[in-house]
Amino acid sequence: MSIQSRKQEHVNLALSGKVTFREKTNGFEHYEFVYNALPEIDLADVDTRTVFCGVELRSPFIVTGMTGGYPDAERINRGLAEACDTCGIAMGVGSMRAALEKSESDPTFTVVREVSQRVPIIANIGAAQAALWHREGSLQSFVERAISMTGARALAIHLNPLQELLQPEGEPRFRGVLDAIAALVRMELVPIIVKEVGAGISGDVARRLADVGVTIIDVAGAGGTSWAGIEILRRNDASSVDHLWDVGIPTAECVRQCTGIVPTIIASGGINNGTDAAKALALGAHLVGSARPMLEAFAANGTDGVVAQIQLWELQLRQWMFLTGCQHLNDLRSSTILRRVP
């Protein structure tokens, strides 16, 4: 199967409703906010603005990388970019490998910068591919093309050993990934974000990344889309690998483990509403990412559906900040705001 066909199949399966985690959750149900009957602020005082890669965002949300590289992805990425521009938030694109291996620019990726010059765009390459390009001496040239193609302000390197292990066309070759990430950090082209794709980053992995200079981690934990599940459904021998469907670290646990190790934590993986987002921020995240819920909103109601979803989540975040007496996002990180429940 071509990479284009595979990318389209991934999107279709993500929208099918069949690829969520079966028993594992994002973990945020184990936490609740401590209600503050004396907040001493007005709702109008609540300020959700933050700065990401030198750009002020209206709220701490990112529509994280989903797709690109096949014809219909241009329509999807255009609509998502328009929504992010309207809402004043950041956006990631899907894996750019196929586009970077072609000589011409790919409109499914260039469209995001055509839509908006002010949305901070995150380009995206796979860790295994980065390691291969590093060994071949071509890493910098590929990365420069990815940044140029999207006008990116940051580059995400996605760690996906579980997905590569299970993907019928997978390439589970991860030797040298950390060296490639270290090389990217040293290039200082744009900030480097290291992210998972839905199975989570542990505190131990975060420390190894911090040791080579990584300053931004997107934990992309378990509880949302199971990319293991997507690849299992694509296999002819699904029953032999079905035991790996729910592999991963819940997002809330990833945030708890990684907080304080690098300066910026992005919480993604099963973020379903503004309450999840608020809890992630209270646990120590600086920004919150979401993919499938935004894709579903776009599939149902286009750009307007994504805008409505983001605005609802921002309202819910503002409500929780008011009810806990938090005027600014940094106030949410007080140890008295959130408590663990049985």
C-alpha atoms as a PDB file:
ATOM      1  CA  MET A   1       0.000   0.000   0.000  1.00  0.00           C
ATOM      2  CA  SER A   2       1.297   3.497  -0.861  1.00  0.00           C
ATOM      3  CA  ILE A   3       1.992   6.016   1.893  1.00  0.00           C
ATOM      4  CA  GLN A   4      -0.830   8.187   0.495  1.00  0.00           C
ATOM      5  CA  SER A   5      -3.358   5.359   0.764  1.00  0.00           C
ATOM      6  CA  ARG A   6      -2.125   4.473   4.249  1.00  0.00           C
ATOM      7  CA  LYS A   7      -2.548   8.059   5.461  1.00  0.00           C
ATOM      8  CA  GLN A   8      -6.120   8.184   4.180  1.00  0.00           C
ATOM      9  CA  GLU A   9      -6.889   4.835   5.795  1.00  0.00           C
ATOM     10  CA  HIS A  10      -5.520   6.130   9.100  1.00  0.00           C
ATOM     11  CA  VAL A  11      -7.885   9.115   9.017  1.00  0.00           C
ATOM     12  CA  ASN A  12     -10.861   6.947   8.078  1.00  0.00           C
ATOM     13  CA  LEU A  13     -10.145   4.531  10.925  1.00  0.00           C
ATOM     14  CA  ALA A  14      -9.659   7.411  13.390  1.00  0.00           C
ATOM     15  CA  LEU A  15     -13.145   8.636  12.468  1.00  0.00           C
ATOM     16  CA  SER A  16     -14.707   5.185  12.650  1.00  0.00           C
ATOM     17  CA  GLY A  17     -15.180   5.159  16.419  1.00  0.00           C
ATOM     18  CA  LYS A  18     -13.512   1.734  16.620  1.00  0.00           C
ATOM     19  CA  VAL A  19      -9.999   2.696  17.690  1.00  0.00           C
ATOM     20  CA  THR A  20     -10.253   4.145  21.178  1.00  0.00           C
ATOM     21  CA  PHE A  21      -8.534   2.448  24.096  1.00  0.00           C
ATOM     22  CA  ARG A  22     -10.652  -0.430  25.350  1.00  0.00           C
ATOM     23  CA  GLU A  23     -10.066  -0.309  29.097  1.00  0.00           C
ATOM     24  CA  LYS A  24      -7.431   2.366  29.683  1.00  0.00           C
ATOM     25  CA  THR A  25      -8.490   5.989  30.204  1.00  0.00           C
ATOM     26  CA  ASN A  26      -6.616   9.282  30.107  1.00  0.00           C
ATOM     27  CA  GLY A  27      -6.469   9.176  33.915  1.00  0.00           C
ATOM     28  CA  PHE A  28      -7.968  12.600  34.600  1.00  0.00           C
ATOM     29  CA  GLU A  29     -11.005  11.064  36.290  1.00  0.00           C
ATOM     30  CA  HIS A  30      -8.702  10.365  39.244  1.00  0.00           C
ATOM     31  CA  TYR A  31      -8.384  14.097  39.949  1.00  0.00           C
ATOM     32  CA  GLU A  32     -10.862  16.788  40.922  1.00  0.00           C
ATOM     33  CA  PHE A  33     -10.638  20.514  41.501  1.00  0.00           C
ATOM     34  CA  VAL A  34     -10.952  21.889  44.999  1.00  0.00           C
ATOM     35  CA  TYR A  35     -13.923  24.248  44.859  1.00  0.00           C
ATOM     36  CA  ASN A  36     -13.145  27.767  46.049  1.00  0.00           C
ATOM     37  CA  ALA A  37     -16.173  29.546  47.518  1.00  0.00           C
ATOM     38  CA  LEU A  38     -14.173  32.769  47.826  1.00  0.00           C
ATOM     39  CA  PRO A  39     -12.362  33.163  44.476  1.00  0.00           C
ATOM     40  CA  GLU A  40     -11.873  36.956  44.814  1.00  0.00           C
ATOM     41  CA  ILE A  41     -11.920  37.431  41.035  1.00  0.00           C
ATOM     42  CA  ASP A  42     -14.595  38.097  38.417  1.00  0.00           C
ATOM     43  CA  LEU A  43     -15.111  35.685  35.546  1.00  0.00           C
ATOM     44  CA  ALA A  44     -14.144  38.569  33.258  1.00  0.00           C
ATOM     45  CA  ASP A  45     -10.758  38.714  35.028  1.00  0.00           C
ATOM     46  CA  VAL A  46      -9.777  35.216  33.891  1.00  0.00           C
ATOM     47  CA  ASP A  47      -6.939  35.360  31.364  1.00  0.00           C
ATOM     48  CA  THR A  48      -6.160  32.245  29.279  1.00  0.00           C
ATOM     49  CA  ARG A  49      -3.468  33.813  27.103  1.00  0.00           C
ATOM     50  CA  THR A  50      -0.064  32.194  26.841  1.00  0.00           C
ATOM     51  CA  VAL A  51       3.041  32.406  24.627  1.00  0.00           C
ATOM     52  CA  PHE A  52       4.195  29.550  22.426  1.00  0.00           C
ATOM     53  CA  CYS A  53       7.304  29.766  20.221  1.00  0.00           C
ATOM     54  CA  GLY A  54       7.268  33.549  20.497  1.00  0.00           C
ATOM     55  CA  VAL A  55       3.603  33.908  19.515  1.00  0.00           C
ATOM     56  CA  GLU A  56       0.823  34.902  21.905  1.00  0.00           C
ATOM     57  CA  LEU A  57      -2.059  32.424  21.878  1.00  0.00           C
ATOM     58  CA  ARG A  58      -5.564  33.358  22.979  1.00  0.00           C
ATOM     59  CA  SER A  59      -5.786  30.096  24.902  1.00  0.00           C
ATOM     60  CA  PRO A  60      -3.318  27.246  25.580  1.00  0.00           C
ATOM     61  CA  PHE A  61      -4.611  24.890  22.903  1.00  0.00           C
ATOM     62  CA  ILE A  62      -2.972  23.144  19.952  1.00  0.00           C
ATOM     63  CA  VAL A  63      -4.750  21.216  17.226  1.00  0.00           C
ATOM     64  CA  THR A  64      -2.080  18.545  17.085  1.00  0.00           C
ATOM     65  CA  GLY A  65      -0.716  16.891  13.946  1.00  0.00           C
ATOM     66  CA  MET A  66      -3.115  14.577  12.176  1.00  0.00           C
ATOM     67  CA  THR A  67      -2.711  14.361   8.453  1.00  0.00           C
ATOM     68  CA  GLY A  68      -1.199  15.442   5.156  1.00  0.00           C
ATOM     69  CA  GLY A  69       0.251  13.813   2.079  1.00  0.00           C
ATOM     70  CA  TYR A  70      -2.887  12.610   0.280  1.00  0.00           C
ATOM     71  CA  PRO A  71      -5.373  14.638  -1.787  1.00  0.00           C
ATOM     72  CA  ASP A  72      -8.211  15.155   0.710  1.00  0.00           C
ATOM     73  CA  ALA A  73      -5.745  16.204   3.418  1.00  0.00           C
ATOM     74  CA  GLU A  74      -5.493  19.634   1.770  1.00  0.00           C
ATOM     75  CA  ARG A  75      -9.162  20.277   2.510  1.00  0.00           C
ATOM     76  CA  ILE A  76      -8.806  19.050   6.081  1.00  0.00           C
ATOM     77  CA  ASN A  77      -5.635  20.998   6.849  1.00  0.00           C
ATOM     78  CA  ARG A  78      -7.054  24.156   5.294  1.00  0.00           C
ATOM     79  CA  GLY A  79     -10.167  23.922   7.458  1.00  0.00           C
ATOM     80  CA  LEU A  80      -8.209  23.210  10.627  1.00  0.00           C
ATOM     81  CA  ALA A  81      -5.809  26.100   9.920  1.00  0.00           C
ATOM     82  CA  GLU A  82      -8.744  28.453   9.390  1.00  0.00           C
ATOM     83  CA  ALA A  83     -10.200  27.381  12.739  1.00  0.00           C
ATOM     84  CA  CYS A  84      -6.877  27.876  14.516  1.00  0.00           C
ATOM     85  CA  ASP A  85      -6.527  31.333  12.967  1.00  0.00           C
ATOM     86  CA  THR A  86     -10.031  32.312  14.116  1.00  0.00           C
ATOM     87  CA  CYS A  87      -9.402  31.040  17.645  1.00  0.00           C
ATOM     88  CA  GLY A  88      -5.822  32.264  17.994  1.00  0.00           C
ATOM     89  CA  ILE A  89      -4.252  28.900  18.796  1.00  0.00           C
ATOM     90  CA  ALA A  90      -1.442  26.714  17.416  1.00  0.00           C
ATOM     91  CA  MET A  91      -1.589  23.858  14.898  1.00  0.00           C
ATOM     92  CA  GLY A  92       0.492  20.818  14.040  1.00  0.00           C
ATOM     93  CA  VAL A  93       0.535  18.909  10.769  1.00  0.00           C
ATOM     94  CA  GLY A  94       0.836  15.180  10.232  1.00  0.00           C
ATOM     95  CA  SER A  95       3.986  13.262   9.353  1.00  0.00           C
ATOM     96  CA  MET A  96       5.760  14.922   6.415  1.00  0.00           C
ATOM     97  CA  ARG A  97       7.965  12.045   5.268  1.00  0.00           C
ATOM     98  CA  ALA A  98       6.197  11.399   1.964  1.00  0.00           C
ATOM     99  CA  ALA A  99       6.123  15.097   1.100  1.00  0.00           C
ATOM    100  CA  LEU A 100       9.804  15.577   1.910  1.00  0.00           C
ATOM    101  CA  GLU A 101      10.860  12.684  -0.293  1.00  0.00           C
ATOM    102  CA  LYS A 102       9.287  14.386  -3.341  1.00  0.00           C
ATOM    103  CA  SER A 103      11.044  17.165  -5.217  1.00  0.00           C
ATOM    104  CA  GLU A 104       8.028  19.481  -5.351  1.00  0.00           C
ATOM    105  CA  SER A 105       6.189  21.098  -2.435  1.00  0.00           C
ATOM    106  CA  ASP A 106       3.069  19.319  -1.192  1.00  0.00           C
ATOM    107  CA  PRO A 107      -0.077  21.514  -1.171  1.00  0.00           C
ATOM    108  CA  THR A 108      -1.555  19.471   1.694  1.00  0.00           C
ATOM    109  CA  PHE A 109       1.158  21.017   3.875  1.00  0.00           C
ATOM    110  CA  THR A 110       1.806  24.391   2.214  1.00  0.00           C
ATOM    111  CA  VAL A 111      -1.891  25.226   2.585  1.00  0.00           C
ATOM    112  CA  VAL A 112      -1.570  25.808   6.328  1.00  0.00           C
ATOM    113  CA  ARG A 113       0.738  28.792   5.855  1.00  0.00           C
ATOM    114  CA  GLU A 114      -1.322  30.095   2.944  1.00  0.00           C
ATOM    115  CA  VAL A 115      -4.325  30.297   5.266  1.00  0.00           C
ATOM    116  CA  SER A 116      -2.647  32.201   8.076  1.00  0.00           C
ATOM    117  CA  GLN A 117       0.670  33.870   8.772  1.00  0.00           C
ATOM    118  CA  ARG A 118      -0.022  34.215  12.502  1.00  0.00           C
ATOM    119  CA  VAL A 119      -0.854  30.640  13.508  1.00  0.00           C
ATOM    120  CA  PRO A 120       2.269  28.966  14.926  1.00  0.00           C
ATOM    121  CA  ILE A 121       2.648  25.832  12.807  1.00  0.00           C
ATOM    122  CA  ILE A 122       4.435  22.698  14.008  1.00  0.00           C
ATOM    123  CA  ALA A 123       6.093  20.620  11.281  1.00  0.00           C
ATOM    124  CA  ASN A 124       6.371  16.874  11.891  1.00  0.00           C
ATOM    125  CA  ILE A 125       8.803  14.061  11.095  1.00  0.00           C
ATOM    126  CA  GLY A 126       9.152  10.538  12.468  1.00  0.00           C
ATOM    127  CA  ALA A 127      11.931   9.649  14.889  1.00  0.00           C
ATOM    128  CA  ALA A 128      13.002   6.530  13.001  1.00  0.00           C
ATOM    129  CA  GLN A 129      13.176   8.510   9.764  1.00  0.00           C
ATOM    130  CA  ALA A 130      15.162  11.261  11.501  1.00  0.00           C
ATOM    131  CA  ALA A 131      17.685   8.666  12.686  1.00  0.00           C
ATOM    132  CA  LEU A 132      18.046   7.289   9.150  1.00  0.00           C
ATOM    133  CA  TRP A 133      18.494  10.762   7.637  1.00  0.00           C
ATOM    134  CA  HIS A 134      21.032  11.596  10.357  1.00  0.00           C
ATOM    135  CA  ARG A 135      23.084   8.503   9.499  1.00  0.00           C
ATOM    136  CA  GLU A 136      22.933   9.422   5.810  1.00  0.00           C
ATOM    137  CA  GLY A 137      23.957  13.022   6.481  1.00  0.00           C
ATOM    138  CA  SER A 138      20.748  14.477   5.029  1.00  0.00           C
ATOM    139  CA  LEU A 139      18.836  15.331   8.213  1.00  0.00           C
ATOM    140  CA  GLN A 140      19.370  19.093   8.122  1.00  0.00           C
ATOM    141  CA  SER A 141      18.331  19.451   4.480  1.00  0.00           C
ATOM    142  CA  PHE A 142      15.099  17.480   5.053  1.00  0.00           C
ATOM    143  CA  VAL A 143      14.280  19.495   8.165  1.00  0.00           C
ATOM    144  CA  GLU A 144      14.932  22.792   6.410  1.00  0.00           C
ATOM    145  CA  ARG A 145      12.490  21.723   3.673  1.00  0.00           C
ATOM    146  CA  ALA A 146       9.857  20.769   6.276  1.00  0.00           C
ATOM    147  CA  ILE A 147      10.172  24.166   7.940  1.00  0.00           C
ATOM    148  CA  SER A 148      10.091  26.023   4.624  1.00  0.00           C
ATOM    149  CA  MET A 149       7.106  24.043   3.307  1.00  0.00           C
ATOM    150  CA  THR A 150       4.916  24.885   6.296  1.00  0.00           C
ATOM    151  CA  GLY A 151       6.435  28.102   7.592  1.00  0.00           C
ATOM    152  CA  ALA A 152       6.844  26.202  10.854  1.00  0.00           C
ATOM    153  CA  ARG A 153       7.861  27.822  14.130  1.00  0.00           C
ATOM    154  CA  ALA A 154       8.639  24.425  15.692  1.00  0.00           C
ATOM    155  CA  LEU A 155       9.412  20.880  14.599  1.00  0.00           C
ATOM    156  CA  ALA A 156       7.840  17.816  16.201  1.00  0.00           C
ATOM    157  CA  ILE A 157       9.764  14.552  16.225  1.00  0.00           C
ATOM    158  CA  HIS A 158       7.263  11.797  16.853  1.00  0.00           C
ATOM    159  CA  LEU A 159       8.223   8.686  18.791  1.00  0.00           C
ATOM    160  CA  ASN A 160       6.045   5.765  17.716  1.00  0.00           C
ATOM    161  CA  PRO A 161       7.821   2.438  18.356  1.00  0.00           C
ATOM    162  CA  LEU A 162       4.542   0.704  19.225  1.00  0.00           C
ATOM    163  CA  GLN A 163       2.897   1.889  16.014  1.00  0.00           C
ATOM    164  CA  GLU A 164       5.901   0.964  13.882  1.00  0.00           C
ATOM    165  CA  LEU A 165       5.997  -2.470  15.511  1.00  0.00           C
ATOM    166  CA  LEU A 166       2.367  -3.133  14.611  1.00  0.00           C
ATOM    167  CA  GLN A 167       2.027  -1.345  11.286  1.00  0.00           C
ATOM    168  CA  PRO A 168       1.993  -3.836   8.386  1.00  0.00           C
ATOM    169  CA  GLU A 169       4.477  -1.576   6.561  1.00  0.00           C
ATOM    170  CA  GLY A 170       6.217  -0.605   9.808  1.00  0.00           C
ATOM    171  CA  GLU A 171       9.905   0.120  10.288  1.00  0.00           C
ATOM    172  CA  PRO A 172      10.664  -0.614  13.962  1.00  0.00           C
ATOM    173  CA  ARG A 173      14.244   0.624  13.751  1.00  0.00           C
ATOM    174  CA  PHE A 174      14.893   3.073  16.561  1.00  0.00           C
ATOM    175  CA  ARG A 175      18.637   2.749  17.080  1.00  0.00           C
ATOM    176  CA  GLY A 176      20.213   6.207  16.889  1.00  0.00           C
ATOM    177  CA  VAL A 177      17.031   8.196  17.507  1.00  0.00           C
ATOM    178  CA  LEU A 178      18.409  10.022  20.545  1.00  0.00           C
ATOM    179  CA  ASP A 179      21.546  11.025  18.608  1.00  0.00           C
ATOM    180  CA  ALA A 180      19.375  12.414  15.811  1.00  0.00           C
ATOM    181  CA  ILE A 181      17.288  14.408  18.283  1.00  0.00           C
ATOM    182  CA  ALA A 182      20.457  15.787  19.877  1.00  0.00           C
ATOM    183  CA  ALA A 183      21.694  16.811  16.417  1.00  0.00           C
ATOM    184  CA  LEU A 184      18.418  18.611  15.706  1.00  0.00           C
ATOM    185  CA  VAL A 185      18.664  20.509  18.979  1.00  0.00           C
ATOM    186  CA  ARG A 186      22.202  21.598  18.095  1.00  0.00           C
ATOM    187  CA  MET A 187      21.087  22.871  14.681  1.00  0.00           C
ATOM    188  CA  GLU A 188      18.950  25.523  16.405  1.00  0.00           C
ATOM    189  CA  LEU A 189      16.726  25.927  13.331  1.00  0.00           C
ATOM    190  CA  VAL A 190      13.468  26.032  15.307  1.00  0.00           C
ATOM    191  CA  PRO A 191      12.439  24.699  18.738  1.00  0.00           C
ATOM    192  CA  ILE A 192      12.270  20.899  18.809  1.00  0.00           C
ATOM    193  CA  ILE A 193       9.205  19.191  20.273  1.00  0.00           C
ATOM    194  CA  VAL A 194       9.491  15.494  21.028  1.00  0.00           C
ATOM    195  CA  LYS A 195       6.108  13.801  21.110  1.00  0.00           C
ATOM    196  CA  GLU A 196       4.545  10.380  21.280  1.00  0.00           C
ATOM    197  CA  VAL A 197       1.504   9.481  19.197  1.00  0.00           C
ATOM    198  CA  GLY A 198      -0.797   8.126  21.890  1.00  0.00           C
ATOM    199  CA  ALA A 199       1.154   5.711  24.080  1.00  0.00           C
ATOM    200  CA  GLY A 200       2.829   8.278  26.321  1.00  0.00           C
ATOM    201  CA  ILE A 201       6.234   9.530  27.439  1.00  0.00           C
ATOM    202  CA  SER A 202       7.481   8.504  30.886  1.00  0.00           C
ATOM    203  CA  GLY A 203       9.542  10.556  33.303  1.00  0.00           C
ATOM    204  CA  ASP A 204      12.585   8.406  32.513  1.00  0.00           C
ATOM    205  CA  VAL A 205      12.328   9.087  28.781  1.00  0.00           C
ATOM    206  CA  ALA A 206      11.745  12.788  29.491  1.00  0.00           C
ATOM    207  CA  ARG A 207      14.975  12.928  31.493  1.00  0.00           C
ATOM    208  CA  ARG A 208      16.928  11.280  28.658  1.00  0.00           C
ATOM    209  CA  LEU A 209      15.498  13.844  26.250  1.00  0.00           C
ATOM    210  CA  ALA A 210      16.291  16.719  28.610  1.00  0.00           C
ATOM    211  CA  ASP A 211      19.874  15.476  28.856  1.00  0.00           C
ATOM    212  CA  VAL A 212      20.369  16.134  25.118  1.00  0.00           C
ATOM    213  CA  GLY A 213      18.809  19.582  25.281  1.00  0.00           C
ATOM    214  CA  VAL A 214      15.124  19.004  24.490  1.00  0.00           C
ATOM    215  CA  THR A 215      13.003  21.709  26.114  1.00  0.00           C
ATOM    216  CA  ILE A 216       9.486  20.843  24.868  1.00  0.00           C
ATOM    217  CA  ILE A 217       7.773  17.467  25.258  1.00  0.00           C
ATOM    218  CA  ASP A 218       4.275  16.523  24.109  1.00  0.00           C
ATOM    219  CA  VAL A 219       3.456  13.509  26.276  1.00  0.00           C
ATOM    220  CA  ALA A 220       0.666  12.266  23.916  1.00  0.00           C
ATOM    221  CA  GLY A 221      -0.465   9.683  26.426  1.00  0.00           C
ATOM    222  CA  ALA A 222      -2.938   6.823  26.412  1.00  0.00           C
ATOM    223  CA  GLY A 223      -6.660   7.333  26.689  1.00  0.00           C
ATOM    224  CA  GLY A 224      -7.658   8.693  23.300  1.00  0.00           C
ATOM    225  CA  THR A 225      -6.961   7.138  19.912  1.00  0.00           C
ATOM    226  CA  SER A 226      -5.112   3.834  20.083  1.00  0.00           C
ATOM    227  CA  TRP A 227      -2.689   3.908  17.168  1.00  0.00           C
ATOM    228  CA  ALA A 228      -1.890   0.346  18.106  1.00  0.00           C
ATOM    229  CA  GLY A 229      -5.569  -0.374  17.535  1.00  0.00           C
ATOM    230  CA  ILE A 230      -5.531   1.354  14.152  1.00  0.00           C
ATOM    231  CA  GLU A 231      -2.603  -0.736  12.970  1.00  0.00           C
ATOM    232  CA  ILE A 232      -4.018  -3.955  14.445  1.00  0.00           C
ATOM    233  CA  LEU A 233      -7.204  -3.442  12.431  1.00  0.00           C
ATOM    234  CA  ARG A 234      -5.073  -3.091   9.307  1.00  0.00           C
ATOM    235  CA  ARG A 235      -3.315  -6.453   9.816  1.00  0.00           C
ATOM    236  CA  ASN A 236      -4.271  -9.856   8.454  1.00  0.00           C
ATOM    237  CA  ASP A 237      -3.067 -11.500  11.680  1.00  0.00           C
ATOM    238  CA  ALA A 238      -4.830  -9.140  14.094  1.00  0.00           C
ATOM    239  CA  SER A 239      -5.488 -11.822  16.700  1.00  0.00           C
ATOM    240  CA  SER A 240      -1.770 -12.461  17.199  1.00  0.00           C
ATOM    241  CA  VAL A 241      -1.078  -8.863  18.282  1.00  0.00           C
ATOM    242  CA  ASP A 242      -4.414  -7.891  19.820  1.00  0.00           C
ATOM    243  CA  HIS A 243      -2.840  -8.051  23.318  1.00  0.00           C
ATOM    244  CA  LEU A 244      -0.969  -4.812  22.496  1.00  0.00           C
ATOM    245  CA  TRP A 245      -4.110  -2.722  21.819  1.00  0.00           C
ATOM    246  CA  ASP A 246      -4.121  -0.931  25.199  1.00  0.00           C
ATOM    247  CA  VAL A 247      -0.356  -0.442  25.642  1.00  0.00           C
ATOM    248  CA  GLY A 248       0.495   3.006  26.960  1.00  0.00           C
ATOM    249  CA  ILE A 249       0.789   5.371  29.926  1.00  0.00           C
ATOM    250  CA  PRO A 250      -2.345   7.404  30.745  1.00  0.00           C
ATOM    251  CA  THR A 251      -1.954  11.066  29.853  1.00  0.00           C
ATOM    252  CA  ALA A 252      -2.492  12.333  33.395  1.00  0.00           C
ATOM    253  CA  GLU A 253       0.283  10.051  34.657  1.00  0.00           C
ATOM    254  CA  CYS A 254       2.613  11.197  31.864  1.00  0.00           C
ATOM    255  CA  VAL A 255       2.082  14.830  32.817  1.00  0.00           C
ATOM    256  CA  ARG A 256       2.645  14.048  36.494  1.00  0.00           C
ATOM    257  CA  GLN A 257       5.899  12.204  35.738  1.00  0.00           C
ATOM    258  CA  CYS A 258       7.291  14.712  33.229  1.00  0.00           C
ATOM    259  CA  THR A 259       6.444  17.983  34.959  1.00  0.00           C
ATOM    260  CA  GLY A 260       9.563  19.860  35.989  1.00  0.00           C
ATOM    261  CA  ILE A 261      11.924  17.861  33.781  1.00  0.00           C
ATOM    262  CA  VAL A 262      11.702  20.158  30.751  1.00  0.00           C
ATOM    263  CA  PRO A 263      10.524  23.783  30.648  1.00  0.00           C
ATOM    264  CA  THR A 264       7.438  23.146  28.493  1.00  0.00           C
ATOM    265  CA  ILE A 265       5.009  20.221  28.684  1.00  0.00           C
ATOM    266  CA  ILE A 266       2.208  19.732  26.168  1.00  0.00           C
ATOM    267  CA  ALA A 267      -0.546  17.408  27.349  1.00  0.00           C
ATOM    268  CA  SER A 268      -2.329  15.459  24.631  1.00  0.00           C
ATOM    269  CA  GLY A 269      -3.915  12.038  24.376  1.00  0.00           C
ATOM    270  CA  GLY A 270      -7.597  11.637  25.152  1.00  0.00           C
ATOM    271  CA  ILE A 271      -8.274  15.294  25.925  1.00  0.00           C
ATOM    272  CA  ASN A 272     -12.024  15.379  25.405  1.00  0.00           C
ATOM    273  CA  ASN A 273     -13.181  18.700  26.843  1.00  0.00           C
ATOM    274  CA  GLY A 274     -12.152  21.834  28.688  1.00  0.00           C
ATOM    275  CA  THR A 275     -12.289  20.029  32.018  1.00  0.00           C
ATOM    276  CA  ASP A 276      -9.621  17.550  30.907  1.00  0.00           C
ATOM    277  CA  ALA A 277      -7.597  20.486  29.622  1.00  0.00           C
ATOM    278  CA  ALA A 278      -7.889  22.367  32.907  1.00  0.00           C
ATOM    279  CA  LYS A 279      -6.821  19.311  34.898  1.00  0.00           C
ATOM    280  CA  ALA A 280      -3.837  18.767  32.606  1.00  0.00           C
ATOM    281  CA  LEU A 281      -2.743  22.369  33.146  1.00  0.00           C
ATOM    282  CA  ALA A 282      -3.236  22.044  36.898  1.00  0.00           C
ATOM    283  CA  LEU A 283      -1.032  18.924  36.904  1.00  0.00           C
ATOM    284  CA  GLY A 284       1.778  20.904  35.306  1.00  0.00           C
ATOM    285  CA  ALA A 285       1.206  21.100  31.548  1.00  0.00           C
ATOM    286  CA  HIS A 286       1.728  24.424  29.793  1.00  0.00           C
ATOM    287  CA  LEU A 287      -0.359  23.694  26.706  1.00  0.00           C
ATOM    288  CA  VAL A 288      -2.960  21.115  25.750  1.00  0.00           C
ATOM    289  CA  GLY A 289      -3.267  19.340  22.405  1.00  0.00           C
ATOM    290  CA  SER A 290      -6.118  17.511  20.754  1.00  0.00           C
ATOM    291  CA  ALA A 291      -6.415  15.641  17.459  1.00  0.00           C
ATOM    292  CA  ARG A 292      -9.322  13.231  16.944  1.00  0.00           C
ATOM    293  CA  PRO A 293     -12.025  15.384  18.631  1.00  0.00           C
ATOM    294  CA  MET A 294     -11.079  18.225  16.280  1.00  0.00           C
ATOM    295  CA  LEU A 295     -11.078  15.906  13.274  1.00  0.00           C
ATOM    296  CA  GLU A 296     -14.528  14.647  14.288  1.00  0.00           C
ATOM    297  CA  ALA A 297     -15.793  18.209  14.689  1.00  0.00           C
ATOM    298  CA  PHE A 298     -14.483  19.064  11.233  1.00  0.00           C
ATOM    299  CA  ALA A 299     -16.022  15.957   9.677  1.00  0.00           C
ATOM    300  CA  ALA A 300     -19.399  16.846  11.210  1.00  0.00           C
ATOM    301  CA  ASN A 301     -19.569  20.619  10.724  1.00  0.00           C
ATOM    302  CA  GLY A 302     -16.463  21.822   8.913  1.00  0.00           C
ATOM    303  CA  THR A 303     -14.368  24.729  10.122  1.00  0.00           C
ATOM    304  CA  ASP A 304     -17.306  26.169  12.075  1.00  0.00           C
ATOM    305  CA  GLY A 305     -17.540  22.917  14.026  1.00  0.00           C
ATOM    306  CA  VAL A 306     -13.883  23.100  15.036  1.00  0.00           C
ATOM    307  CA  VAL A 307     -14.226  26.761  16.045  1.00  0.00           C
ATOM    308  CA  ALA A 308     -17.272  25.939  18.175  1.00  0.00           C
ATOM    309  CA  GLN A 309     -15.426  23.064  19.831  1.00  0.00           C
ATOM    310  CA  ILE A 310     -12.383  25.183  20.678  1.00  0.00           C
ATOM    311  CA  GLN A 311     -14.536  28.030  21.980  1.00  0.00           C
ATOM    312  CA  LEU A 312     -16.473  25.615  24.192  1.00  0.00           C
ATOM    313  CA  TRP A 313     -13.269  24.163  25.644  1.00  0.00           C
ATOM    314  CA  GLU A 314     -11.934  27.652  26.291  1.00  0.00           C
ATOM    315  CA  LEU A 315     -15.173  28.561  28.092  1.00  0.00           C
ATOM    316  CA  GLN A 316     -14.962  25.408  30.222  1.00  0.00           C
ATOM    317  CA  LEU A 317     -11.338  26.187  31.082  1.00  0.00           C
ATOM    318  CA  ARG A 318     -12.306  29.730  32.066  1.00  0.00           C
ATOM    319  CA  GLN A 319     -15.138  28.394  34.254  1.00  0.00           C
ATOM    320  CA  TRP A 320     -12.769  26.098  36.173  1.00  0.00           C
ATOM    321  CA  MET A 321     -10.236  28.883  36.583  1.00  0.00           C
ATOM    322  CA  PHE A 322     -12.947  31.120  38.065  1.00  0.00           C
ATOM    323  CA  LEU A 323     -14.231  28.378  40.391  1.00  0.00           C
ATOM    324  CA  THR A 324     -10.730  27.785  41.745  1.00  0.00           C
ATOM    325  CA  GLY A 325      -9.779  31.451  42.027  1.00  0.00           C
ATOM    326  CA  CYS A 326      -7.172  31.327  39.237  1.00  0.00           C
ATOM    327  CA  GLN A 327      -6.887  34.537  37.266  1.00  0.00           C
ATOM    328  CA  HIS A 328      -3.924  33.396  35.151  1.00  0.00           C
ATOM    329  CA  LEU A 329      -2.861  29.999  33.787  1.00  0.00           C
ATOM    330  CA  ASN A 330       0.171  29.878  36.076  1.00  0.00           C
ATOM    331  CA  ASP A 331      -2.183  30.112  39.071  1.00  0.00           C
ATOM    332  CA  LEU A 332      -3.648  26.726  38.132  1.00  0.00           C
ATOM    333  CA  ARG A 333      -0.382  24.994  39.038  1.00  0.00           C
ATOM    334  CA  SER A 334      -0.834  25.584  42.775  1.00  0.00           C
ATOM    335  CA  SER A 335      -0.716  22.351  44.760  1.00  0.00           C
ATOM    336  CA  THR A 336      -3.982  23.313  46.481  1.00  0.00           C
ATOM    337  CA  ILE A 337      -6.052  23.522  43.290  1.00  0.00           C
ATOM    338  CA  LEU A 338      -6.291  19.836  42.350  1.00  0.00           C
ATOM    339  CA  ARG A 339      -6.583  16.729  44.496  1.00  0.00           C
ATOM    340  CA  ARG A 340      -6.412  13.039  43.731  1.00  0.00           C
ATOM    341  CA  VAL A 341      -9.566  11.051  44.385  1.00  0.00           C
ATOM    342  CA  PRO A 342     -10.013   7.266  44.699  1.00  0.00           C
END
